[in-house]
Amino acid sequence: MLFQNDKLSVRLLEQKDSSLIVKWLSDPIILEFYEGRDNAFDLEKVQEKFYNRENGVVCCIVEFDNIPIGYIQYYPLGNEERNSYGYADVSDVIYGMDQFIGEAVYWNNGIGTLLVNSMVSFLVEQNDADRVVMDPQIWNERAIRCYEKCGFKKVKLLPKNELHEGEYRDCWLIEYIN
């Protein structure tokens, strides 16, 4: 287990979790916000995207009351992202993170806020992060409100940054500065 905060815990992704990821990423309710409803995952696609990664991405399962409810990943920001986000000349330790709660019954209960706050604390305390960044799509207002509650600030607009449901969508670059 990477960390626990009250009823929330985050652990490394295991092979046995592949069926959970398939379940979550084939659900149109979840896909509307993560990956897109036109991009459902099967077992092969989950294996390809979430396992055997060599790019520094740490893949994790989120549990609440010992029940797997979501996914979170974090990674040191690479040169490509540093350049596109405007951090090319910044020497800070910068991590990116992405997450979703895959069980919609757990939405709107403060768990996302607890998760984001807990992961930011973990990255700052255990990985010496100076900044943590994310790039949510600008229309995802619920997620952005959650991130702002956790201390993230909008830094800049990233036009046509992410392909979602057949079109490139604008995103916000948001950051938490330690």
C-alpha atoms as a PDB file:
ATOM      1  CA  MET A   1       0.000   0.000   0.000  1.00  0.00           C
ATOM      2  CA  LEU A   2       1.321   3.444  -0.907  1.00  0.00           C
ATOM      3  CA  PHE A   3      -0.736   5.285   1.677  1.00  0.00           C
ATOM      4  CA  GLN A   4      -3.924   5.311   3.680  1.00  0.00           C
ATOM      5  CA  ASN A   5      -5.950   8.302   4.848  1.00  0.00           C
ATOM      6  CA  ASP A   6      -8.930   7.367   7.000  1.00  0.00           C
ATOM      7  CA  LYS A   7     -11.086   4.981   4.890  1.00  0.00           C
ATOM      8  CA  LEU A   8      -9.199   5.805   1.680  1.00  0.00           C
ATOM      9  CA  SER A   9      -6.177   3.797   0.575  1.00  0.00           C
ATOM     10  CA  VAL A  10      -4.069   3.724  -2.567  1.00  0.00           C
ATOM     11  CA  ARG A  11      -2.098   0.667  -3.631  1.00  0.00           C
ATOM     12  CA  LEU A  12      -0.145  -0.334  -6.691  1.00  0.00           C
ATOM     13  CA  LEU A  13      -2.083  -1.787  -9.606  1.00  0.00           C
ATOM     14  CA  GLU A  14      -1.916  -5.591  -9.707  1.00  0.00           C
ATOM     15  CA  GLN A  15      -2.665  -7.988 -12.551  1.00  0.00           C
ATOM     16  CA  LYS A  16      -5.832  -9.111 -10.776  1.00  0.00           C
ATOM     17  CA  ASP A  17      -7.188  -5.558 -11.142  1.00  0.00           C
ATOM     18  CA  SER A  18      -7.439  -5.723 -14.934  1.00  0.00           C
ATOM     19  CA  SER A  19     -11.089  -6.831 -14.810  1.00  0.00           C
ATOM     20  CA  LEU A  20     -11.922  -3.814 -12.622  1.00  0.00           C
ATOM     21  CA  ILE A  21     -10.339  -1.426 -15.119  1.00  0.00           C
ATOM     22  CA  VAL A  22     -12.264  -3.115 -17.951  1.00  0.00           C
ATOM     23  CA  LYS A  23     -15.499  -2.765 -15.957  1.00  0.00           C
ATOM     24  CA  TRP A  24     -14.916   0.928 -15.254  1.00  0.00           C
ATOM     25  CA  LEU A  25     -13.636   1.841 -18.712  1.00  0.00           C
ATOM     26  CA  SER A  26     -16.493   0.119 -20.519  1.00  0.00           C
ATOM     27  CA  ASP A  27     -19.143   1.995 -18.505  1.00  0.00           C
ATOM     28  CA  PRO A  28     -20.528   4.971 -20.505  1.00  0.00           C
ATOM     29  CA  ILE A  29     -21.097   6.950 -17.284  1.00  0.00           C
ATOM     30  CA  ILE A  30     -17.377   6.780 -16.463  1.00  0.00           C
ATOM     31  CA  LEU A  31     -16.226   7.103 -20.074  1.00  0.00           C
ATOM     32  CA  GLU A  32     -18.097  10.385 -20.465  1.00  0.00           C
ATOM     33  CA  PHE A  33     -15.434  11.937 -18.209  1.00  0.00           C
ATOM     34  CA  TYR A  34     -12.408   9.667 -18.718  1.00  0.00           C
ATOM     35  CA  GLU A  35     -11.301   8.445 -22.151  1.00  0.00           C
ATOM     36  CA  GLY A  36     -14.644   9.111 -23.923  1.00  0.00           C
ATOM     37  CA  ARG A  37     -17.759   7.045 -24.613  1.00  0.00           C
ATOM     38  CA  ASP A  38     -16.403   6.160 -28.047  1.00  0.00           C
ATOM     39  CA  ASN A  39     -13.313   4.609 -26.488  1.00  0.00           C
ATOM     40  CA  ALA A  40     -14.458   1.647 -24.391  1.00  0.00           C
ATOM     41  CA  PHE A  41     -11.759  -0.704 -23.120  1.00  0.00           C
ATOM     42  CA  ASP A  42     -11.544  -4.459 -23.315  1.00  0.00           C
ATOM     43  CA  LEU A  43      -8.996  -6.674 -21.581  1.00  0.00           C
ATOM     44  CA  GLU A  44      -6.439  -6.354 -24.380  1.00  0.00           C
ATOM     45  CA  LYS A  45      -6.635  -2.563 -24.388  1.00  0.00           C
ATOM     46  CA  VAL A  46      -6.335  -2.448 -20.586  1.00  0.00           C
ATOM     47  CA  GLN A  47      -3.228  -4.652 -20.711  1.00  0.00           C
ATOM     48  CA  GLU A  48      -1.693  -2.402 -23.346  1.00  0.00           C
ATOM     49  CA  LYS A  49      -2.435   0.901 -21.611  1.00  0.00           C
ATOM     50  CA  PHE A  50      -2.116   0.085 -17.897  1.00  0.00           C
ATOM     51  CA  TYR A  51       0.429  -2.712 -17.585  1.00  0.00           C
ATOM     52  CA  ASN A  52       4.134  -3.052 -18.446  1.00  0.00           C
ATOM     53  CA  ARG A  53       4.627   0.689 -18.721  1.00  0.00           C
ATOM     54  CA  GLU A  54       8.170   1.918 -19.007  1.00  0.00           C
ATOM     55  CA  ASN A  55       7.608   5.663 -18.985  1.00  0.00           C
ATOM     56  CA  GLY A  56       7.730   6.251 -15.232  1.00  0.00           C
ATOM     57  CA  VAL A  57       3.947   6.160 -14.749  1.00  0.00           C
ATOM     58  CA  VAL A  58       2.980   4.594 -11.423  1.00  0.00           C
ATOM     59  CA  CYS A  59      -0.478   2.989 -11.770  1.00  0.00           C
ATOM     60  CA  CYS A  60      -2.605   2.549  -8.655  1.00  0.00           C
ATOM     61  CA  ILE A  61      -5.975   1.353  -7.432  1.00  0.00           C
ATOM     62  CA  VAL A  62      -8.026   3.525  -5.089  1.00  0.00           C
ATOM     63  CA  GLU A  63      -9.917   1.732  -2.337  1.00  0.00           C
ATOM     64  CA  PHE A  64     -12.523   3.097   0.048  1.00  0.00           C
ATOM     65  CA  ASP A  65     -13.439   0.951   3.036  1.00  0.00           C
ATOM     66  CA  ASN A  66     -11.319  -1.789   1.391  1.00  0.00           C
ATOM     67  CA  ILE A  67     -13.505  -1.721  -1.742  1.00  0.00           C
ATOM     68  CA  PRO A  68     -11.772  -0.903  -5.051  1.00  0.00           C
ATOM     69  CA  ILE A  69     -13.529   2.197  -6.401  1.00  0.00           C
ATOM     70  CA  GLY A  70     -11.111   3.877  -8.790  1.00  0.00           C
ATOM     71  CA  TYR A  71      -7.775   4.465 -10.401  1.00  0.00           C
ATOM     72  CA  ILE A  72      -5.006   7.024  -9.982  1.00  0.00           C
ATOM     73  CA  GLN A  73      -1.623   7.394 -11.659  1.00  0.00           C
ATOM     74  CA  TYR A  74       1.298   9.719 -11.128  1.00  0.00           C
ATOM     75  CA  TYR A  75       4.531  10.346 -12.986  1.00  0.00           C
ATOM     76  CA  PRO A  76       7.469  12.726 -13.079  1.00  0.00           C
ATOM     77  CA  LEU A  77       6.758  15.270 -15.796  1.00  0.00           C
ATOM     78  CA  GLY A  78       8.798  14.416 -18.889  1.00  0.00           C
ATOM     79  CA  ASN A  79      10.559  16.828 -21.222  1.00  0.00           C
ATOM     80  CA  GLU A  80       7.710  16.823 -23.754  1.00  0.00           C
ATOM     81  CA  GLU A  81       5.144  17.851 -21.127  1.00  0.00           C
ATOM     82  CA  ARG A  82       7.558  20.337 -19.542  1.00  0.00           C
ATOM     83  CA  ASN A  83       7.963  22.008 -22.920  1.00  0.00           C
ATOM     84  CA  SER A  84       4.276  22.058 -23.852  1.00  0.00           C
ATOM     85  CA  TYR A  85       3.207  23.221 -20.377  1.00  0.00           C
ATOM     86  CA  GLY A  86       5.853  25.965 -20.206  1.00  0.00           C
ATOM     87  CA  TYR A  87       8.132  24.378 -17.598  1.00  0.00           C
ATOM     88  CA  ALA A  88      11.168  23.769 -19.861  1.00  0.00           C
ATOM     89  CA  ASP A  89      13.368  26.136 -17.858  1.00  0.00           C
ATOM     90  CA  VAL A  90      11.896  25.324 -14.437  1.00  0.00           C
ATOM     91  CA  SER A  91      14.157  23.162 -12.258  1.00  0.00           C
ATOM     92  CA  ASP A  92      11.375  22.151  -9.827  1.00  0.00           C
ATOM     93  CA  VAL A  93      10.461  18.521  -9.243  1.00  0.00           C
ATOM     94  CA  ILE A  94       7.110  18.320 -11.059  1.00  0.00           C
ATOM     95  CA  TYR A  95       4.674  15.408 -11.041  1.00  0.00           C
ATOM     96  CA  GLY A  96       1.589  14.896 -13.161  1.00  0.00           C
ATOM     97  CA  MET A  97      -1.387  12.876 -12.034  1.00  0.00           C
ATOM     98  CA  ASP A  98      -4.655  11.556 -13.455  1.00  0.00           C
ATOM     99  CA  GLN A  99      -7.486   9.803 -11.697  1.00  0.00           C
ATOM    100  CA  PHE A 100     -11.073   8.685 -11.837  1.00  0.00           C
ATOM    101  CA  ILE A 101     -13.572   7.174  -9.464  1.00  0.00           C
ATOM    102  CA  GLY A 102     -14.859   4.198 -11.409  1.00  0.00           C
ATOM    103  CA  GLU A 103     -17.817   3.452  -9.167  1.00  0.00           C
ATOM    104  CA  ALA A 104     -20.268   6.292  -9.798  1.00  0.00           C
ATOM    105  CA  VAL A 105     -22.149   5.613  -6.532  1.00  0.00           C
ATOM    106  CA  TYR A 106     -19.084   7.065  -4.775  1.00  0.00           C
ATOM    107  CA  TRP A 107     -19.268  10.372  -6.683  1.00  0.00           C
ATOM    108  CA  ASN A 108     -20.236  13.593  -4.881  1.00  0.00           C
ATOM    109  CA  ASN A 109     -19.281  12.289  -1.435  1.00  0.00           C
ATOM    110  CA  GLY A 110     -15.983  14.149  -0.967  1.00  0.00           C
ATOM    111  CA  ILE A 111     -13.911  11.077  -1.839  1.00  0.00           C
ATOM    112  CA  GLY A 112     -12.359  12.745  -4.897  1.00  0.00           C
ATOM    113  CA  THR A 113     -11.228  15.675  -2.752  1.00  0.00           C
ATOM    114  CA  LEU A 114      -9.819  13.292  -0.146  1.00  0.00           C
ATOM    115  CA  LEU A 115      -8.041  11.330  -2.891  1.00  0.00           C
ATOM    116  CA  VAL A 116      -6.489  14.363  -4.595  1.00  0.00           C
ATOM    117  CA  ASN A 117      -5.410  15.951  -1.293  1.00  0.00           C
ATOM    118  CA  SER A 118      -3.931  12.638  -0.121  1.00  0.00           C
ATOM    119  CA  MET A 119      -2.015  12.019  -3.362  1.00  0.00           C
ATOM    120  CA  VAL A 120      -0.637  15.563  -3.408  1.00  0.00           C
ATOM    121  CA  SER A 121       0.554  15.109   0.204  1.00  0.00           C
ATOM    122  CA  PHE A 122       2.137  11.779  -0.746  1.00  0.00           C
ATOM    123  CA  LEU A 123       3.950  13.307  -3.743  1.00  0.00           C
ATOM    124  CA  VAL A 124       5.191  16.275  -1.714  1.00  0.00           C
ATOM    125  CA  GLU A 125       6.264  14.253   1.346  1.00  0.00           C
ATOM    126  CA  GLN A 126       7.536  11.039  -0.275  1.00  0.00           C
ATOM    127  CA  ASN A 127       8.679  12.188  -3.733  1.00  0.00           C
ATOM    128  CA  ASP A 128       9.814  15.748  -2.912  1.00  0.00           C
ATOM    129  CA  ALA A 129       7.403  17.263  -5.445  1.00  0.00           C
ATOM    130  CA  ASP A 130       7.611  21.031  -5.748  1.00  0.00           C
ATOM    131  CA  ARG A 131       4.599  21.116  -8.079  1.00  0.00           C
ATOM    132  CA  VAL A 132       1.827  18.754  -9.108  1.00  0.00           C
ATOM    133  CA  VAL A 133       0.016  19.381 -12.390  1.00  0.00           C
ATOM    134  CA  MET A 134      -3.075  18.106 -14.185  1.00  0.00           C
ATOM    135  CA  ASP A 135      -4.835  19.025 -17.420  1.00  0.00           C
ATOM    136  CA  PRO A 136      -8.602  18.524 -17.041  1.00  0.00           C
ATOM    137  CA  GLN A 137     -10.887  19.345 -19.946  1.00  0.00           C
ATOM    138  CA  ILE A 138     -12.421  22.780 -19.417  1.00  0.00           C
ATOM    139  CA  TRP A 139     -16.010  21.472 -19.540  1.00  0.00           C
ATOM    140  CA  ASN A 140     -15.411  19.080 -16.601  1.00  0.00           C
ATOM    141  CA  GLU A 141     -16.459  21.632 -14.004  1.00  0.00           C
ATOM    142  CA  ARG A 142     -17.104  19.150 -11.184  1.00  0.00           C
ATOM    143  CA  ALA A 143     -13.532  17.850 -11.405  1.00  0.00           C
ATOM    144  CA  ILE A 144     -12.089  21.369 -11.650  1.00  0.00           C
ATOM    145  CA  ARG A 145     -14.022  22.462  -8.535  1.00  0.00           C
ATOM    146  CA  CYS A 146     -12.606  19.436  -6.697  1.00  0.00           C
ATOM    147  CA  TYR A 147      -9.057  20.294  -7.765  1.00  0.00           C
ATOM    148  CA  GLU A 148      -9.464  23.941  -6.804  1.00  0.00           C
ATOM    149  CA  LYS A 149     -10.696  22.867  -3.343  1.00  0.00           C
ATOM    150  CA  CYS A 150      -7.423  20.952  -3.083  1.00  0.00           C
ATOM    151  CA  GLY A 151      -5.324  24.056  -3.787  1.00  0.00           C
ATOM    152  CA  PHE A 152      -4.803  23.733  -7.550  1.00  0.00           C
ATOM    153  CA  LYS A 153      -4.812  26.938  -9.585  1.00  0.00           C
ATOM    154  CA  LYS A 154      -5.486  27.406 -13.294  1.00  0.00           C
ATOM    155  CA  VAL A 155      -2.213  28.284 -15.021  1.00  0.00           C
ATOM    156  CA  LYS A 156      -3.104  28.422 -18.696  1.00  0.00           C
ATOM    157  CA  LEU A 157      -5.462  27.214 -21.353  1.00  0.00           C
ATOM    158  CA  LEU A 158      -4.251  24.300 -23.468  1.00  0.00           C
ATOM    159  CA  PRO A 159      -6.222  24.597 -26.733  1.00  0.00           C
ATOM    160  CA  LYS A 160      -7.274  21.362 -28.443  1.00  0.00           C
ATOM    161  CA  ASN A 161      -5.129  19.393 -26.011  1.00  0.00           C
ATOM    162  CA  GLU A 162      -6.969  16.073 -25.718  1.00  0.00           C
ATOM    163  CA  LEU A 163      -8.913  13.907 -28.137  1.00  0.00           C
ATOM    164  CA  HIS A 164     -12.242  13.104 -26.494  1.00  0.00           C
ATOM    165  CA  GLU A 165     -15.284  11.648 -28.244  1.00  0.00           C
ATOM    166  CA  GLY A 166     -14.067  12.474 -31.728  1.00  0.00           C
ATOM    167  CA  GLU A 167     -12.835  16.021 -31.213  1.00  0.00           C
ATOM    168  CA  TYR A 168      -9.854  17.729 -29.693  1.00  0.00           C
ATOM    169  CA  ARG A 169     -10.927  19.453 -26.479  1.00  0.00           C
ATOM    170  CA  ASP A 170      -9.490  22.432 -24.668  1.00  0.00           C
ATOM    171  CA  CYS A 171      -7.972  21.727 -21.264  1.00  0.00           C
ATOM    172  CA  TRP A 172      -6.774  23.775 -18.337  1.00  0.00           C
ATOM    173  CA  LEU A 173      -3.233  23.347 -17.091  1.00  0.00           C
ATOM    174  CA  ILE A 174      -3.681  23.447 -13.341  1.00  0.00           C
ATOM    175  CA  GLU A 175      -0.949  23.258 -10.725  1.00  0.00           C
ATOM    176  CA  TYR A 176      -0.450  22.830  -7.032  1.00  0.00           C
ATOM    177  CA  ILE A 177       2.700  24.531  -5.766  1.00  0.00           C
ATOM    178  CA  ASN A 178       4.241  23.261  -2.544  1.00  0.00           C
END
